[in-house]
Amino acid sequence: ERQQYIIHGGKTPNNELSDKMYVMSVVCKNNKKVTFRCTEKDLVGDVPEARYGHSIDVVYSRGKSVGVVFGGRSYIPSAQRITEKWNSVADCLPHIFLVDFEFGCSTSYILPELQDGLSFHVSIARNDTIYILGGHSLANNIRPANLYRIRVDLPLGSPAVNCTVLPGGISVSSAILTQTSNDEFVIVGGYQLENQKRMVCNIISFEDNKIEIREMETPDWTPDIKHSKIWFGSNMGNGTIFLGIPGDNKQAVSETYYFYMLKCAEDDMNEDQKAFTNSQTSTEDPGDSTPFEDSEEFCFSAEANSFNGDDEFDTYNEDDEEDESVTGYWITCCSTCDVDINTWVPFY
């Protein structure tokens, strides 16, 4: 079965927000090398503005599918964006955008149940329905215990979108979601206050179009995780969460990070957590760092037809090597930095 991934929004290296939308798919995978093809989608109609902290899901109805964009933050309107407030952001309007990837059109919907903008929420897509949980309202500076059910119907005519407010939501932002079975998900991490991590985990179960949220047994967090002010991570699939924390909590920007894998699904393993580190600074030789075991090489292809998925080995081609003399690297500076700002230096 062919899998595709939708990429939308986010920030560029110049701290600008992007409204681009891409569809990424796997072209071939062999000998630990994965080749992706990334295609930009040009949209017409009610195009979602550039944003971050939003959600994008795909729903299926009557044999058709559409993307659903909701929430997020964007820079304040250009007329109000003066020098002192150049990087000020605001909640995007709580509109629902349906994106037809086949025809490249987008339509926005205003639902009376959605009154306030929301960012960094949790979204779960199941068939023709999306569930929105938690999130942070920048205008009110609160994390309301939201639980919305958004249903999308795709008949031959115009789509129909309706929203229902459900009881039993949770207050959390920036949480990580992983699926442990066909009808069960686990929410890990996030924040319950601006400077307070949410250490409680929740199990979300679905049965007969009903949703149930309950607390699960708290993982045996390590002391480093408990005392860290921030954490981040992502879903690794198969009920596994990838977590990271700064290695030195006394510094605003840490050069060392500690990473953990949290197993939320039951299997034959006895350990719930596995910890490993792989840190590297700009002054170190990248060849001295220890790579992750079983790591894979990822590359992107402009033309998918130039790859043969049946190839077992890749042939080395000297012409494929990049000329590092003309390659640019991003550098980071601090108040004590003595690097010439006009000089590009490698930063690993």
Protein backbone atom coordinates (compact mmCIF):
# COMPACT_ATOMS: atom_id res chain seq x y z
CA GLU A 1 0.00 0.00 0.00
CA ARG A 2 1.37 3.38 -1.01
CA GLN A 3 1.69 5.90 1.80
CA GLN A 4 1.73 9.66 1.37
CA TYR A 5 2.53 12.43 3.82
CA ILE A 6 1.13 15.96 3.77
CA ILE A 7 3.39 18.87 4.77
CA HIS A 8 1.94 22.34 5.31
CA GLY A 9 3.04 25.56 6.96
CA GLY A 10 5.84 26.01 9.46
CA LYS A 11 8.70 28.48 9.67
CA THR A 12 11.53 29.00 7.19
CA PRO A 13 15.17 29.56 8.27
CA ASN A 14 14.53 33.30 7.88
CA ASN A 15 11.77 33.10 10.52
CA GLU A 16 9.09 33.57 7.90
CA LEU A 17 5.91 31.52 7.80
CA SER A 18 5.14 29.33 4.82
CA ASP A 19 1.78 28.69 3.18
CA LYS A 20 3.21 26.00 0.91
CA MET A 21 1.65 22.55 0.83
CA TYR A 22 3.57 19.46 -0.23
CA VAL A 23 2.74 15.81 -0.80
CA MET A 24 5.62 13.47 0.03
CA SER A 25 5.68 9.79 -0.90
CA VAL A 26 8.23 6.98 -0.82
CA VAL A 27 9.70 6.24 -4.25
CA CYS A 28 11.85 3.28 -3.33
CA LYS A 29 13.46 1.67 -0.31
CA ASN A 30 16.42 -0.66 -0.50
CA ASN A 31 19.48 -1.52 1.57
CA LYS A 32 18.62 1.01 4.31
CA LYS A 33 18.27 3.82 1.77
CA VAL A 34 14.89 5.50 1.40
CA THR A 35 14.14 7.84 -1.48
CA PHE A 36 11.25 10.30 -1.22
CA ARG A 37 9.49 12.33 -3.84
CA CYS A 38 8.12 15.69 -2.69
CA THR A 39 5.60 17.57 -4.87
CA GLU A 40 4.27 21.05 -4.20
CA LYS A 41 0.50 21.42 -4.52
CA ASP A 42 -0.84 24.66 -5.98
CA LEU A 43 -4.17 25.54 -4.39
CA VAL A 44 -7.00 27.81 -5.52
CA GLY A 45 -10.01 29.08 -3.62
CA ASP A 46 -9.87 29.72 0.13
CA VAL A 47 -6.18 28.98 0.59
CA PRO A 48 -5.13 28.63 4.26
CA GLU A 49 -2.82 31.44 5.27
CA ALA A 50 0.75 30.75 6.36
CA ARG A 51 0.72 29.32 9.87
CA TYR A 52 2.28 26.98 12.39
CA GLY A 53 1.01 25.02 15.39
CA HIS A 54 -2.00 23.78 13.41
CA SER A 55 -3.24 20.34 12.40
CA ILE A 56 -3.82 18.75 9.01
CA ASP A 57 -5.63 15.42 8.68
CA VAL A 58 -7.20 13.36 5.91
CA VAL A 59 -10.79 12.10 6.15
CA TYR A 60 -12.61 9.57 3.95
CA SER A 61 -16.28 9.66 2.97
CA ARG A 62 -18.25 7.95 0.18
CA GLY A 63 -15.10 6.72 -1.53
CA LYS A 64 -13.48 10.17 -1.58
CA SER A 65 -10.92 11.90 0.60
CA VAL A 66 -10.02 15.49 1.54
CA GLY A 67 -7.49 17.17 3.78
CA VAL A 68 -8.72 19.13 6.79
CA VAL A 69 -6.70 22.09 8.10
CA PHE A 70 -7.57 23.68 11.44
CA GLY A 71 -6.07 26.10 13.96
CA GLY A 72 -2.56 27.46 14.24
CA ARG A 73 -0.91 30.84 14.59
CA SER A 74 0.22 33.43 12.11
CA TYR A 75 1.92 36.80 12.15
CA ILE A 76 -0.32 39.77 12.85
CA PRO A 77 -1.69 41.56 9.73
CA SER A 78 0.94 43.38 7.69
CA ALA A 79 -0.71 46.76 8.39
CA GLN A 80 -0.10 46.24 12.13
CA ARG A 81 3.32 44.63 11.75
CA ILE A 82 5.63 47.47 12.75
CA THR A 83 9.27 47.04 13.74
CA GLU A 84 8.53 46.65 17.45
CA LYS A 85 5.90 44.00 16.74
CA TRP A 86 7.48 42.39 13.69
CA ASN A 87 7.46 38.87 15.14
CA SER A 88 4.16 39.18 17.02
CA VAL A 89 1.74 36.35 16.28
CA ALA A 90 -1.98 35.82 16.76
CA ASP A 91 -4.40 32.91 16.65
CA CYS A 92 -5.69 32.12 13.19
CA LEU A 93 -9.44 32.38 12.76
CA PRO A 94 -11.14 29.10 13.79
CA HIS A 95 -12.11 28.15 10.25
CA ILE A 96 -12.17 24.62 8.86
CA PHE A 97 -10.42 24.25 5.49
CA LEU A 98 -11.21 21.32 3.21
CA VAL A 99 -8.42 20.70 0.70
CA ASP A 100 -9.03 18.57 -2.39
CA PHE A 101 -5.59 17.28 -3.34
CA GLU A 102 -6.78 15.83 -6.64
CA PHE A 103 -8.15 19.09 -8.06
CA GLY A 104 -6.06 21.50 -5.97
CA CYS A 105 -8.93 23.50 -4.53
CA SER A 106 -9.58 24.63 -0.95
CA THR A 107 -12.79 25.76 0.75
CA SER A 108 -13.19 27.30 4.22
CA TYR A 109 -16.11 26.71 6.58
CA ILE A 110 -17.24 28.75 9.59
CA LEU A 111 -18.80 26.64 12.34
CA PRO A 112 -20.66 28.32 15.23
CA GLU A 113 -19.27 25.84 17.76
CA LEU A 114 -15.70 27.03 17.06
CA GLN A 115 -15.45 30.52 18.52
CA ASP A 116 -11.79 30.95 19.50
CA GLY A 117 -8.54 30.28 17.72
CA LEU A 118 -6.58 27.24 18.87
CA SER A 119 -3.01 26.02 18.45
CA PHE A 120 -0.86 23.04 19.44
CA HIS A 121 -3.91 20.84 19.93
CA VAL A 122 -4.26 17.09 19.39
CA SER A 123 -6.20 15.83 16.38
CA ILE A 124 -7.33 12.28 15.66
CA ALA A 125 -8.80 11.34 12.27
CA ARG A 126 -11.08 8.31 11.97
CA ASN A 127 -12.86 7.71 8.65
CA ASP A 128 -15.05 10.79 8.09
CA THR A 129 -14.50 12.30 11.55
CA ILE A 130 -11.81 14.35 13.28
CA TYR A 131 -11.56 14.78 17.04
CA ILE A 132 -9.88 17.94 18.36
CA LEU A 133 -8.55 17.81 21.93
CA GLY A 134 -6.94 20.44 24.14
CA GLY A 135 -4.81 23.16 22.62
CA HIS A 136 -3.75 26.66 23.62
CA SER A 137 -5.64 29.89 23.02
CA LEU A 138 -3.15 32.72 22.66
CA ALA A 139 -5.80 35.45 22.90
CA ASN A 140 -7.02 34.17 26.28
CA ASN A 141 -3.75 32.50 27.35
CA ILE A 142 -5.58 29.38 28.48
CA ARG A 143 -5.53 25.67 27.69
CA PRO A 144 -9.23 24.84 27.64
CA ALA A 145 -10.36 21.25 28.10
CA ASN A 146 -11.73 21.10 24.57
CA LEU A 147 -13.19 18.09 22.85
CA TYR A 148 -14.71 18.69 19.42
CA ARG A 149 -16.02 16.16 16.93
CA ILE A 150 -15.90 17.41 13.34
CA ARG A 151 -17.66 15.26 10.76
CA VAL A 152 -17.20 15.68 7.01
CA ASP A 153 -19.67 14.31 4.45
CA LEU A 154 -18.57 14.18 0.80
CA PRO A 155 -21.65 13.64 -1.41
CA LEU A 156 -21.73 14.33 -5.14
CA GLY A 157 -22.51 17.99 -4.49
CA SER A 158 -21.00 20.35 -1.95
CA PRO A 159 -19.36 18.88 1.16
CA ALA A 160 -21.15 19.14 4.49
CA VAL A 161 -19.20 19.91 7.67
CA ASN A 162 -20.65 19.89 11.17
CA CYS A 163 -19.15 20.19 14.64
CA THR A 164 -20.30 18.78 17.98
CA VAL A 165 -18.95 19.83 21.38
CA LEU A 166 -18.38 16.74 23.54
CA PRO A 167 -17.82 16.52 27.30
CA GLY A 168 -14.80 14.97 28.96
CA GLY A 169 -11.97 16.86 27.26
CA ILE A 170 -8.48 17.40 28.66
CA SER A 171 -6.35 20.50 29.15
CA VAL A 172 -3.04 20.04 27.32
CA SER A 173 -0.96 21.64 24.58
CA SER A 174 1.91 20.35 22.43
CA ALA A 175 1.17 16.74 23.36
CA ILE A 176 2.28 13.70 21.34
CA LEU A 177 -0.19 11.15 20.02
CA THR A 178 0.55 7.53 19.16
CA GLN A 179 -1.72 4.70 18.08
CA THR A 180 -1.51 1.43 20.01
CA SER A 181 -4.35 -0.51 18.31
CA ASN A 182 -7.13 -0.03 15.78
CA ASP A 183 -9.38 1.66 18.35
CA GLU A 184 -6.92 2.98 20.92
CA PHE A 185 -4.51 5.91 21.12
CA VAL A 186 -2.21 7.27 23.82
CA ILE A 187 -1.45 10.94 24.57
CA VAL A 188 1.98 11.63 26.09
CA GLY A 189 3.80 14.80 27.12
CA GLY A 190 2.83 18.37 26.47
CA TYR A 191 2.18 21.19 28.91
CA GLN A 192 -0.65 21.97 31.32
CA LEU A 193 0.76 25.44 32.11
CA GLU A 194 3.28 27.61 30.32
CA ASN A 195 6.16 26.45 32.52
CA GLN A 196 4.74 23.16 33.74
CA LYS A 197 5.00 19.89 31.86
CA ARG A 198 2.07 17.50 31.86
CA MET A 199 3.40 14.25 33.30
CA VAL A 200 0.07 12.40 33.12
CA CYS A 201 -0.67 10.19 30.10
CA ASN A 202 -4.11 9.38 28.72
CA ILE A 203 -5.63 6.49 26.81
CA ILE A 204 -8.23 7.37 24.17
CA SER A 205 -10.56 4.54 23.18
CA PHE A 206 -13.19 4.42 20.43
CA GLU A 207 -16.18 2.08 20.39
CA ASP A 208 -19.38 2.44 18.35
CA ASN A 209 -18.58 6.06 17.43
CA LYS A 210 -18.08 6.90 21.11
CA ILE A 211 -14.87 8.31 22.54
CA GLU A 212 -13.56 7.62 26.04
CA ILE A 213 -10.57 9.36 27.63
CA ARG A 214 -9.01 7.94 30.78
CA GLU A 215 -5.72 8.26 32.60
CA MET A 216 -3.17 5.50 32.25
CA GLU A 217 -0.49 4.40 34.66
CA THR A 218 2.19 7.07 34.75
CA PRO A 219 5.48 5.93 33.19
CA ASP A 220 8.50 5.64 35.45
CA TRP A 221 10.01 8.93 34.29
CA THR A 222 13.75 9.31 34.83
CA PRO A 223 14.96 12.11 37.17
CA ASP A 224 16.32 14.01 34.16
CA ILE A 225 12.89 14.03 32.53
CA LYS A 226 11.14 15.03 35.75
CA HIS A 227 13.42 18.01 36.38
CA SER A 228 13.68 19.22 32.79
CA LYS A 229 11.72 22.39 32.10
CA ILE A 230 11.05 21.54 28.47
CA TRP A 231 10.66 18.42 26.40
CA PHE A 232 9.82 17.60 22.82
CA GLY A 233 9.31 14.56 20.66
CA SER A 234 7.32 12.77 18.02
CA ASN A 235 5.37 9.63 17.28
CA MET A 236 7.54 6.78 15.97
CA GLY A 237 4.59 4.53 15.13
CA ASN A 238 3.57 1.18 16.60
CA GLY A 239 2.81 2.75 19.97
CA THR A 240 6.29 4.22 20.48
CA ILE A 241 7.06 7.82 21.46
CA PHE A 242 10.42 9.53 20.84
CA LEU A 243 11.22 12.09 23.57
CA GLY A 244 14.08 14.57 23.89
CA ILE A 245 15.25 16.90 26.66
CA PRO A 246 18.18 19.36 26.92
CA GLY A 247 21.25 17.84 28.50
CA ASP A 248 22.05 20.94 30.55
CA ASN A 249 19.02 22.60 32.13
CA LYS A 250 21.14 25.50 33.38
CA GLN A 251 21.77 26.82 29.87
CA ALA A 252 19.19 28.47 27.66
CA VAL A 253 20.61 26.69 24.61
CA SER A 254 22.02 23.26 25.30
CA GLU A 255 24.58 21.58 23.06
CA THR A 256 23.73 18.14 24.41
CA TYR A 257 20.38 16.39 24.29
CA TYR A 258 19.16 13.16 25.82
CA PHE A 259 16.68 11.04 23.92
CA TYR A 260 14.26 8.39 25.13
CA MET A 261 11.90 5.88 23.59
CA LEU A 262 8.68 5.28 25.49
CA LYS A 263 6.84 2.08 24.61
CA CYS A 264 3.09 2.57 25.05
CA ALA A 265 1.98 -0.66 23.37
CA GLU A 266 2.31 -4.04 25.00
CA ASP A 267 4.73 -6.42 23.34
CA ASP A 268 7.39 -8.95 24.26
CA MET A 269 9.78 -6.33 25.63
CA ASN A 270 10.17 -6.03 29.38
CA GLU A 271 11.56 -2.49 29.45
CA ASP A 272 9.19 0.44 29.15
CA GLN A 273 11.90 2.92 28.35
CA LYS A 274 15.21 2.91 26.59
CA ALA A 275 17.56 5.86 26.83
CA PHE A 276 20.35 6.78 24.48
CA THR A 277 22.32 9.93 23.69
CA ASN A 278 23.97 11.25 20.58
CA SER A 279 25.24 14.81 21.03
CA GLN A 280 27.57 16.83 18.88
CA THR A 281 28.80 20.42 18.93
CA SER A 282 30.13 22.61 16.16
CA THR A 283 33.70 22.20 17.43
CA GLU A 284 33.69 18.43 17.26
CA ASP A 285 34.65 16.26 14.35
CA PRO A 286 31.41 14.74 13.06
CA GLY A 287 33.26 11.54 12.38
CA ASP A 288 33.88 11.09 16.10
CA SER A 289 30.21 11.01 17.04
CA THR A 290 28.46 7.69 17.49
CA PRO A 291 25.67 7.16 14.95
CA PHE A 292 22.40 5.50 15.87
CA GLU A 293 22.33 1.80 15.18
CA ASP A 294 20.32 0.63 12.19
CA SER A 295 20.15 4.18 10.89
CA GLU A 296 18.81 4.77 7.41
CA GLU A 297 19.85 7.20 4.71
CA PHE A 298 17.13 9.49 3.39
CA CYS A 299 17.28 11.38 0.11
CA PHE A 300 14.84 13.25 -2.11
CA SER A 301 14.17 12.73 -5.78
CA ALA A 302 12.90 15.28 -8.28
CA GLU A 303 12.05 12.59 -10.80
CA ALA A 304 10.63 9.38 -9.43
CA ASN A 305 11.04 7.58 -12.75
CA SER A 306 14.82 7.76 -12.49
CA PHE A 307 14.81 5.21 -9.66
CA ASN A 308 14.27 1.51 -9.84
CA GLY A 309 12.77 0.07 -6.68
CA ASP A 310 14.20 -3.37 -7.52
CA ASP A 311 17.82 -2.24 -7.27
CA GLU A 312 19.53 -4.07 -4.45
CA PHE A 313 22.70 -2.00 -4.25
CA ASP A 314 23.55 1.60 -5.00
CA THR A 315 26.50 2.33 -7.27
CA TYR A 316 28.92 4.99 -6.12
CA ASN A 317 29.25 7.89 -8.52
CA GLU A 318 31.97 10.47 -7.91
CA ASP A 319 29.94 13.11 -9.76
CA ASP A 320 27.24 12.84 -7.10
CA GLU A 321 29.55 14.29 -4.46
CA GLU A 322 28.70 17.88 -3.53
CA ASP A 323 31.26 20.63 -3.84
CA GLU A 324 31.49 21.84 -0.24
CA SER A 325 33.42 24.93 -1.33
CA VAL A 326 30.16 26.46 -2.57
CA THR A 327 27.84 24.95 0.03
CA GLY A 328 26.29 27.27 2.61
CA TYR A 329 25.70 26.39 6.24
CA TRP A 330 23.60 28.07 8.90
CA ILE A 331 25.58 29.28 11.90
CA THR A 332 24.47 30.34 15.36
CA CYS A 333 26.02 33.25 17.22
CA CYS A 334 26.03 34.59 20.76
CA SER A 335 27.26 37.77 22.43
CA THR A 336 30.76 36.33 22.83
CA CYS A 337 31.02 34.97 19.29
CA ASP A 338 34.18 36.06 17.45
CA VAL A 339 33.33 34.46 14.10
CA ASP A 340 33.36 36.72 11.06
CA ILE A 341 29.66 37.09 10.15
CA ASN A 342 30.61 37.24 6.47
CA THR A 343 32.16 33.78 6.61
CA TRP A 344 30.16 30.60 6.22
CA VAL A 345 31.43 27.77 8.39
CA PRO A 346 30.08 24.24 8.79
CA PHE A 347 27.74 23.74 11.73
CA TYR A 348 26.92 20.13 12.53
